[in-house]
Amino acid sequence: MDAGYGNDTGLRTDITALGLRYVAGIGPNTSVWPPGEAPLPPQSRTGRGRPQTRLQRGQHQPISVKTLALSLPQEAWQTITWREGTTDWLALRVARWRVRPAHRDNLLSELRAEEWLLIEWPEDETEPTKYWFSTLPEDTAFDRLVDLTKLRWRIERDYQELKQELGLGDYEGRGWRGFHHHATVCIAAYGFLIAERGALPPSGPPFSAPLSRSAIPDGYRRRGAADPTRAPHPKLDRDRATTPHRRSRQDPSEMPLLQPADPQDTKSSRLLTQ
């Protein structure tokens, strides 16, 4: 998720409480504890007064992620190739560090867990440009971390195609149920199109093997068709036999033949002359 959501510490905390992992963009002023530093635990008192229940900062203070990025040694920065682009492979100059978020932790009674801090600093820029927090495991490979971080670009592209090509943005209802149905159909259609696109060359094989059997399963019965294995109802069959059916159209074989007009009839003669 982008920094608009990643800057919300409460949202990140709730996602972690659900047992989910995230890669969230953050701003350069987000405060963290540098490696090897952390707030002090609550101090126990032997005299009068209420015991401390919140973390204490002491003489050490958290710093911003921008300050930490500018203080990293040159060896911390690596160029990671993470995806093949249209013309060439995409590469980033990034650094990662294990840090502990420090936003208002003086109101907490327990330390926050360490997370990955990923920093992007292109060589042609004077300072780092992007920052991310990630709760991926500590043994996650560097290129894997970068790949998952940049996966948001693909999600944004899919979302744009859903709105522009498949009508996700054209919903005009006001109910949640209607929008849920509309979004479900759009996502299902997009998944089908992506699967078909992946089956075509060069993404897929140059040809597909013919089906060995029909895709329709044996015993398939279309909706509304009579079940041949079901025994007929005796009462319904007796009613059908005794009740005459109304003919919606007259049988052509039972229609009377048209007789030629009588020449002596003046009205018929007038019609014939016209």
Protein backbone atom coordinates (compact mmCIF):
# COMPACT_ATOMS: atom_id res chain seq x y z
CA MET A 1 0.00 0.00 0.00
CA ASP A 2 1.08 3.57 -0.61
CA ALA A 3 2.19 6.14 1.94
CA GLY A 4 -1.35 7.48 2.28
CA TYR A 5 -2.20 4.30 4.20
CA GLY A 6 1.27 3.29 5.36
CA ASN A 7 1.66 6.44 7.46
CA ASP A 8 -1.28 5.30 9.58
CA THR A 9 0.37 3.45 12.48
CA GLY A 10 -2.97 2.20 13.76
CA LEU A 11 -3.76 0.60 10.40
CA ARG A 12 -0.41 -1.18 10.27
CA THR A 13 -0.89 -2.38 13.86
CA ASP A 14 -4.36 -3.75 13.08
CA ILE A 15 -3.07 -5.59 10.00
CA THR A 16 -0.37 -7.23 12.11
CA ALA A 17 -2.94 -8.16 14.76
CA LEU A 18 -4.90 -10.03 12.07
CA GLY A 19 -1.84 -12.18 11.35
CA LEU A 20 -1.24 -10.57 7.94
CA ARG A 21 1.98 -9.20 6.48
CA TYR A 22 2.35 -5.97 4.57
CA VAL A 23 4.70 -3.77 2.57
CA ALA A 24 3.65 -0.19 3.20
CA GLY A 25 5.04 3.06 1.92
CA ILE A 26 5.91 5.67 4.55
CA GLY A 27 7.01 9.27 4.62
CA PRO A 28 10.59 10.48 5.17
CA ASN A 29 9.71 11.90 8.61
CA THR A 30 8.53 8.57 10.06
CA SER A 31 10.38 7.97 13.32
CA VAL A 32 12.26 4.74 14.04
CA TRP A 33 14.73 3.40 16.52
CA PRO A 34 18.14 2.76 14.92
CA PRO A 35 19.59 -0.75 15.13
CA GLY A 36 20.75 -1.54 18.65
CA GLU A 37 18.55 1.11 20.30
CA ALA A 38 15.09 0.84 21.83
CA PRO A 39 12.99 2.58 24.49
CA LEU A 40 13.54 1.63 28.10
CA PRO A 41 11.10 -0.70 29.85
CA PRO A 42 8.88 0.68 32.64
CA GLN A 43 10.80 1.25 35.87
CA SER A 44 9.64 -0.49 39.01
CA ARG A 45 9.34 1.70 42.09
CA THR A 46 9.99 0.68 45.67
CA GLY A 47 8.60 3.81 47.33
CA ARG A 48 5.28 5.51 47.17
CA GLY A 49 3.40 6.28 44.01
CA ARG A 50 1.94 4.34 41.15
CA PRO A 51 4.36 2.07 39.27
CA GLN A 52 5.29 2.94 35.72
CA THR A 53 3.42 1.08 32.97
CA ARG A 54 4.71 2.85 29.84
CA LEU A 55 7.97 2.71 27.96
CA GLN A 56 10.58 5.34 28.74
CA ARG A 57 12.79 6.97 26.15
CA GLY A 58 15.63 8.01 28.40
CA GLN A 59 18.66 9.65 26.81
CA HIS A 60 18.18 7.92 23.46
CA GLN A 61 15.67 9.37 21.05
CA PRO A 62 14.23 7.97 17.80
CA ILE A 63 15.26 9.47 14.47
CA SER A 64 13.52 9.88 11.13
CA VAL A 65 14.00 7.33 8.37
CA LYS A 66 15.54 10.04 6.20
CA THR A 67 18.20 10.74 8.82
CA LEU A 68 18.90 7.03 9.12
CA ALA A 69 19.18 6.67 5.33
CA LEU A 70 21.70 9.51 5.07
CA SER A 71 23.83 7.94 7.82
CA LEU A 72 24.05 4.48 6.27
CA PRO A 73 27.47 3.41 4.99
CA GLN A 74 28.15 3.04 1.29
CA GLU A 75 28.27 -0.74 1.62
CA ALA A 76 24.62 -0.83 2.65
CA TRP A 77 23.44 0.25 -0.80
CA GLN A 78 22.98 -2.37 -3.50
CA THR A 79 21.61 -2.41 -7.03
CA ILE A 80 18.84 -5.01 -7.21
CA THR A 81 17.37 -6.19 -10.53
CA TRP A 82 13.78 -7.07 -9.86
CA ARG A 83 11.81 -7.34 -13.12
CA GLU A 84 12.16 -7.40 -16.89
CA GLY A 85 10.77 -4.24 -18.40
CA THR A 86 9.67 -3.36 -21.91
CA THR A 87 13.16 -2.60 -23.20
CA ASP A 88 15.53 -3.71 -20.43
CA TRP A 89 15.69 -5.13 -16.91
CA LEU A 90 14.50 -2.84 -14.13
CA ALA A 91 17.03 -2.16 -11.39
CA LEU A 92 16.97 -0.14 -8.17
CA ARG A 93 19.63 1.19 -5.85
CA VAL A 94 18.23 0.31 -2.47
CA ALA A 95 19.19 -0.46 1.11
CA ARG A 96 17.36 -2.33 3.82
CA TRP A 97 17.70 -2.27 7.58
CA ARG A 98 16.01 -3.86 10.56
CA VAL A 99 14.41 -1.10 12.63
CA ARG A 100 11.72 -0.67 15.24
CA PRO A 101 8.90 1.86 14.55
CA ALA A 102 8.82 4.52 17.23
CA HIS A 103 5.64 6.50 16.56
CA ARG A 104 4.21 7.40 19.99
CA ASP A 105 5.62 4.28 21.59
CA ASN A 106 5.98 6.22 24.84
CA LEU A 107 2.26 5.49 25.29
CA LEU A 108 2.81 1.74 25.03
CA SER A 109 3.82 -0.79 27.64
CA GLU A 110 5.54 -3.23 25.27
CA LEU A 111 8.12 -2.83 22.52
CA ARG A 112 7.03 -2.96 18.91
CA ALA A 113 8.48 -5.76 16.84
CA GLU A 114 11.30 -5.06 14.41
CA GLU A 115 10.45 -4.61 10.74
CA TRP A 116 12.27 -4.19 7.48
CA LEU A 117 12.96 -0.64 6.39
CA LEU A 118 13.52 -0.49 2.63
CA ILE A 119 14.98 2.71 1.17
CA GLU A 120 15.31 3.66 -2.50
CA TRP A 121 18.00 6.15 -3.49
CA PRO A 122 18.67 6.49 -7.22
CA GLU A 123 22.21 7.46 -8.12
CA ASP A 124 21.07 10.60 -9.96
CA GLU A 125 19.20 11.94 -6.90
CA THR A 126 20.64 14.01 -4.07
CA GLU A 127 18.64 12.20 -1.37
CA PRO A 128 16.51 9.07 -0.94
CA THR A 129 13.17 9.17 -2.75
CA LYS A 130 11.02 6.36 -1.28
CA TYR A 131 10.70 4.45 2.00
CA TRP A 132 8.78 1.31 2.98
CA PHE A 133 8.01 -0.70 6.10
CA SER A 134 7.60 -4.45 5.72
CA THR A 135 6.70 -7.22 8.16
CA LEU A 136 8.06 -9.96 5.93
CA PRO A 137 10.22 -12.55 7.74
CA GLU A 138 13.76 -11.62 8.66
CA ASP A 139 15.21 -14.29 6.36
CA THR A 140 13.47 -12.89 3.26
CA ALA A 141 15.88 -12.53 0.35
CA PHE A 142 16.77 -9.00 -0.75
CA ASP A 143 15.51 -9.39 -4.31
CA ARG A 144 12.31 -11.03 -3.06
CA LEU A 145 11.66 -8.07 -0.76
CA VAL A 146 12.14 -5.63 -3.63
CA ASP A 147 9.95 -7.69 -5.95
CA LEU A 148 7.06 -7.75 -3.48
CA THR A 149 7.48 -4.05 -2.79
CA LYS A 150 7.20 -3.18 -6.47
CA LEU A 151 4.21 -5.48 -6.89
CA ARG A 152 1.99 -2.51 -6.08
CA TRP A 153 2.64 -1.16 -9.59
CA ARG A 154 1.04 -4.28 -11.06
CA ILE A 155 -1.94 -3.97 -8.73
CA GLU A 156 -2.46 -0.34 -9.73
CA ARG A 157 -2.31 -1.30 -13.40
CA ASP A 158 -4.86 -4.08 -12.91
CA TYR A 159 -7.14 -1.70 -11.04
CA GLN A 160 -6.89 0.84 -13.86
CA GLU A 161 -7.76 -1.78 -16.49
CA LEU A 162 -10.70 -2.96 -14.38
CA LYS A 163 -12.10 0.57 -14.29
CA GLN A 164 -11.43 1.54 -17.88
CA GLU A 165 -11.87 -1.72 -19.81
CA LEU A 166 -14.31 -3.81 -17.78
CA GLY A 167 -16.60 -1.18 -16.28
CA LEU A 168 -15.64 -1.36 -12.60
CA GLY A 169 -15.84 2.43 -12.40
CA ASP A 170 -19.25 2.61 -14.12
CA TYR A 171 -21.34 1.42 -11.20
CA GLU A 172 -24.07 3.96 -10.41
CA GLY A 173 -25.98 2.19 -7.67
CA ARG A 174 -26.13 3.13 -4.01
CA GLY A 175 -26.20 -0.21 -2.23
CA TRP A 176 -23.29 -2.27 -1.00
CA ARG A 177 -24.83 -5.53 -2.24
CA GLY A 178 -25.16 -4.19 -5.79
CA PHE A 179 -21.60 -2.88 -5.84
CA HIS A 180 -20.31 -6.16 -4.43
CA HIS A 181 -22.03 -8.11 -7.21
CA HIS A 182 -20.80 -5.65 -9.84
CA ALA A 183 -17.20 -5.81 -8.61
CA THR A 184 -17.31 -9.61 -8.38
CA VAL A 185 -18.41 -9.97 -12.00
CA CYS A 186 -15.76 -7.48 -13.19
CA ILE A 187 -12.97 -9.25 -11.30
CA ALA A 188 -14.09 -12.67 -12.56
CA ALA A 189 -14.13 -11.39 -16.15
CA TYR A 190 -10.69 -9.84 -15.70
CA GLY A 191 -9.30 -13.07 -14.30
CA PHE A 192 -10.61 -14.96 -17.31
CA LEU A 193 -9.04 -12.47 -19.73
CA ILE A 194 -5.69 -12.63 -17.92
CA ALA A 195 -5.75 -16.43 -18.07
CA GLU A 196 -6.49 -16.32 -21.80
CA ARG A 197 -3.75 -13.76 -22.34
CA GLY A 198 -1.25 -15.95 -20.52
CA ALA A 199 -2.14 -18.92 -22.71
CA LEU A 200 -1.18 -17.09 -25.91
CA PRO A 201 2.40 -16.88 -27.23
CA PRO A 202 4.91 -15.73 -26.15
CA SER A 203 3.59 -16.08 -22.59
CA GLY A 204 2.05 -19.49 -23.23
CA PRO A 205 2.80 -22.47 -25.47
CA PRO A 206 2.69 -21.94 -29.25
CA PHE A 207 -0.29 -24.30 -29.53
CA SER A 208 -2.71 -26.04 -27.28
CA ALA A 209 -3.30 -29.77 -27.37
CA PRO A 210 -6.77 -30.83 -28.57
CA LEU A 211 -9.24 -31.92 -25.97
CA SER A 212 -9.30 -35.67 -25.47
CA ARG A 213 -12.98 -35.59 -24.61
CA SER A 214 -15.87 -33.19 -24.50
CA ALA A 215 -15.74 -30.47 -21.88
CA ILE A 216 -19.41 -31.13 -21.05
CA PRO A 217 -19.61 -33.78 -18.31
CA ASP A 218 -21.59 -36.95 -18.78
CA GLY A 219 -25.16 -36.73 -17.61
CA TYR A 220 -25.26 -32.93 -17.96
CA ARG A 221 -28.82 -31.60 -18.07
CA ARG A 222 -29.48 -28.02 -19.03
CA ARG A 223 -31.51 -25.89 -16.73
CA GLY A 224 -35.26 -26.43 -17.10
CA ALA A 225 -34.98 -29.71 -18.96
CA ALA A 226 -36.94 -32.72 -17.75
CA ASP A 227 -35.09 -35.32 -15.75
CA PRO A 228 -35.21 -38.58 -17.76
CA THR A 229 -34.49 -40.68 -14.67
CA ARG A 230 -37.43 -39.32 -12.69
CA ALA A 231 -40.63 -41.37 -12.68
CA PRO A 232 -43.70 -39.55 -14.07
CA HIS A 233 -46.40 -38.47 -11.67
CA PRO A 234 -49.59 -40.55 -12.22
CA LYS A 235 -52.02 -37.76 -11.38
CA LEU A 236 -50.34 -35.26 -13.68
CA ASP A 237 -50.29 -37.75 -16.54
CA ARG A 238 -54.04 -38.48 -16.05
CA ASP A 239 -54.84 -34.76 -16.08
CA ARG A 240 -52.87 -34.26 -19.25
CA ALA A 241 -54.70 -37.11 -20.93
CA THR A 242 -58.22 -35.85 -20.01
CA THR A 243 -57.67 -32.10 -20.33
CA PRO A 244 -57.70 -30.80 -23.92
CA HIS A 245 -54.81 -28.57 -24.81
CA ARG A 246 -55.53 -25.12 -26.17
CA ARG A 247 -54.04 -24.60 -29.56
CA SER A 248 -52.25 -21.32 -29.84
CA ARG A 249 -52.12 -21.66 -33.58
CA GLN A 250 -54.49 -23.46 -35.91
CA ASP A 251 -53.13 -26.48 -37.72
CA PRO A 252 -52.67 -25.55 -41.39
CA SER A 253 -54.09 -28.92 -42.42
CA GLU A 254 -57.35 -28.12 -40.62
CA MET A 255 -57.79 -24.62 -42.06
CA PRO A 256 -60.62 -24.29 -44.68
CA LEU A 257 -59.57 -23.67 -48.26
CA LEU A 258 -60.36 -20.26 -49.73
CA GLN A 259 -63.14 -20.41 -52.33
CA PRO A 260 -62.92 -18.32 -55.48
CA ALA A 261 -65.13 -15.24 -55.53
CA ASP A 262 -68.51 -15.44 -57.27
CA PRO A 263 -68.50 -13.31 -60.44
CA GLN A 264 -72.21 -12.50 -59.89
CA ASP A 265 -71.46 -10.95 -56.54
CA THR A 266 -71.04 -7.23 -57.11
CA LYS A 267 -68.96 -6.74 -53.98
CA SER A 268 -66.57 -9.51 -54.93
CA SER A 269 -66.38 -8.25 -58.49
CA ARG A 270 -65.49 -4.81 -57.27
CA LEU A 271 -62.72 -6.23 -55.11
CA LEU A 272 -61.36 -8.27 -57.99
CA THR A 273 -61.28 -5.32 -60.35
CA GLN A 274 -59.38 -3.27 -57.86
